């Protein structure tokens, strides 16, 4: 019922910036908490950041806080991930996800909370 499509990935040099977007269709977008996860080759899926229904609460992995910023524009059914000061360790496939059962003020860091996932967009950071 909910479809998520990521975009904005690419190849950047270390220290550069990139903005990922996730467009959602179906359902009531403003009722969902939205999250970003990533998976690097040979590693398990890793939490990156999340934002609550109205955007009042944000959570980030320690490895990306103060470098990455998550935002949402409910009227456009879009969530973004602004990535600054990128490092080679950030190289991964990035996925957005929707928690359709979220309550106010919740931005979960656990993948089990999310119900729908996009197909991912590749981010490669060169040294």
Protein backbone atom coordinates (compact mmCIF):
# COMPACT_ATOMS: atom_id res chain seq x y z
CA UNK A 1 0.00 0.00 0.00
CA UNK A 2 2.90 2.34 0.76
CA UNK A 3 5.59 2.71 -1.89
CA UNK A 4 8.91 4.42 -1.19
CA UNK A 5 11.40 5.50 -3.85
CA UNK A 6 14.86 6.79 -2.94
CA UNK A 7 16.93 9.06 -5.14
CA UNK A 8 20.03 11.25 -4.98
CA UNK A 9 22.78 8.68 -4.54
CA UNK A 10 26.05 8.89 -6.39
CA UNK A 11 29.82 9.05 -6.22
CA UNK A 12 31.42 11.80 -4.13
CA UNK A 13 34.84 12.53 -2.69
CA UNK A 14 35.54 12.40 1.03
CA UNK A 15 34.51 15.66 2.66
CA UNK A 16 31.77 16.30 0.14
CA UNK A 17 28.01 16.46 0.59
CA UNK A 18 25.04 14.66 -0.85
CA UNK A 19 21.29 14.92 -0.34
CA UNK A 20 19.09 11.85 -0.55
CA UNK A 21 15.33 12.03 -1.05
CA UNK A 22 12.56 9.54 -0.47
CA UNK A 23 9.20 10.00 -2.16
CA UNK A 24 6.22 8.20 -0.63
CA UNK A 25 2.95 7.26 -2.27
CA UNK A 26 -0.13 5.70 -0.69
CA UNK A 27 -1.46 6.03 2.84
CA UNK A 28 -1.33 8.98 5.18
CA UNK A 29 2.28 10.15 5.08
CA UNK A 30 1.89 12.57 7.97
CA UNK A 31 1.00 9.69 10.29
CA UNK A 32 4.26 7.80 9.67
CA UNK A 33 7.59 8.05 11.36
CA UNK A 34 10.28 7.80 8.68
CA UNK A 35 13.72 6.28 8.95
CA UNK A 36 16.93 5.92 6.97
CA UNK A 37 19.07 2.79 7.12
CA UNK A 38 22.13 1.67 5.21
CA UNK A 39 23.92 -1.53 4.35
CA UNK A 40 27.58 -1.69 3.37
CA UNK A 41 29.15 -4.69 1.62
CA UNK A 42 29.85 -7.44 4.12
CA UNK A 43 27.98 -5.70 6.93
CA UNK A 44 24.54 -5.87 8.48
CA UNK A 45 21.86 -3.25 8.01
CA UNK A 46 22.63 -0.19 10.12
CA UNK A 47 20.40 2.56 11.47
CA UNK A 48 21.24 6.03 10.19
CA UNK A 49 18.49 8.40 11.32
CA UNK A 50 14.76 8.80 11.84
CA UNK A 51 12.17 11.53 12.21
CA UNK A 52 8.81 11.51 13.98
CA UNK A 53 5.40 12.20 12.43
CA UNK A 54 5.52 15.96 12.71
CA UNK A 55 9.30 16.31 12.69
CA UNK A 56 9.60 17.32 16.34
CA UNK A 57 11.87 14.38 17.23
CA UNK A 58 14.96 13.24 15.34
CA UNK A 59 17.35 10.43 16.15
CA UNK A 60 20.74 9.61 14.63
CA UNK A 61 23.37 6.96 14.84
CA UNK A 62 26.45 8.11 16.75
CA UNK A 63 28.56 7.67 13.64
CA UNK A 64 26.61 10.27 11.65
CA UNK A 65 25.29 12.77 14.17
CA UNK A 66 26.37 16.36 13.53
CA UNK A 67 27.12 15.34 9.94
CA UNK A 68 23.76 14.03 8.69
CA UNK A 69 20.41 15.79 9.01
CA UNK A 70 16.98 14.32 8.36
CA UNK A 71 13.99 16.45 7.35
CA UNK A 72 10.47 15.90 6.09
CA UNK A 73 7.97 17.90 4.06
CA UNK A 74 4.63 16.28 4.71
CA UNK A 75 2.78 18.30 2.09
CA UNK A 76 5.16 16.87 -0.53
CA UNK A 77 5.20 13.37 0.98
CA UNK A 78 8.98 13.53 1.08
CA UNK A 79 11.73 12.80 3.57
CA UNK A 80 15.34 13.82 2.93
CA UNK A 81 18.75 12.96 4.32
CA UNK A 82 21.35 15.71 4.03
CA UNK A 83 24.81 14.15 4.33
CA UNK A 84 27.78 16.42 4.99
CA UNK A 85 31.49 15.77 5.47
CA UNK A 86 31.13 12.35 3.93
CA UNK A 87 33.65 9.66 4.76
CA UNK A 88 34.59 6.46 2.92
CA UNK A 89 32.95 4.56 5.78
CA UNK A 90 29.62 6.05 4.67
CA UNK A 91 29.73 4.03 1.46
CA UNK A 92 26.60 1.88 1.41
CA UNK A 93 23.19 1.37 -0.10
CA UNK A 94 20.78 3.71 1.67
CA UNK A 95 17.15 2.77 2.29
CA UNK A 96 14.21 4.79 3.54
CA UNK A 97 11.48 3.13 5.58
CA UNK A 98 8.03 3.97 6.94
CA UNK A 99 6.71 3.13 10.40
CA UNK A 100 2.97 3.27 9.78
CA UNK A 101 2.15 2.43 13.40
CA UNK A 102 4.16 5.27 14.88
CA UNK A 103 2.81 7.44 17.67
CA UNK A 104 3.57 11.07 18.29
CA UNK A 105 7.15 11.83 19.30
CA UNK A 106 8.63 8.49 18.26
CA UNK A 107 11.56 8.12 15.85
CA UNK A 108 12.63 4.51 16.23
CA UNK A 109 16.16 3.32 15.54
CA UNK A 110 15.08 -0.34 15.28
CA UNK A 111 14.43 -1.81 11.86
CA UNK A 112 11.68 -4.05 13.29
CA UNK A 113 9.51 -0.97 13.78
CA UNK A 114 9.33 -0.22 10.06
CA UNK A 115 6.73 -1.70 7.77
CA UNK A 116 7.63 -0.54 4.26
CA UNK A 117 10.98 -0.13 2.59
CA UNK A 118 12.34 1.40 -0.58
CA UNK A 119 14.69 -0.34 -2.98
CA UNK A 120 17.69 1.74 -1.97
CA UNK A 121 20.10 4.18 -3.56
CA UNK A 122 23.85 3.69 -3.75
CA UNK A 123 26.25 6.14 -2.11
CA UNK A 124 29.97 5.76 -2.78
CA UNK A 125 32.54 7.98 -1.07
CA UNK A 126 36.06 7.90 -2.49
CA UNK A 127 39.26 8.67 -0.58
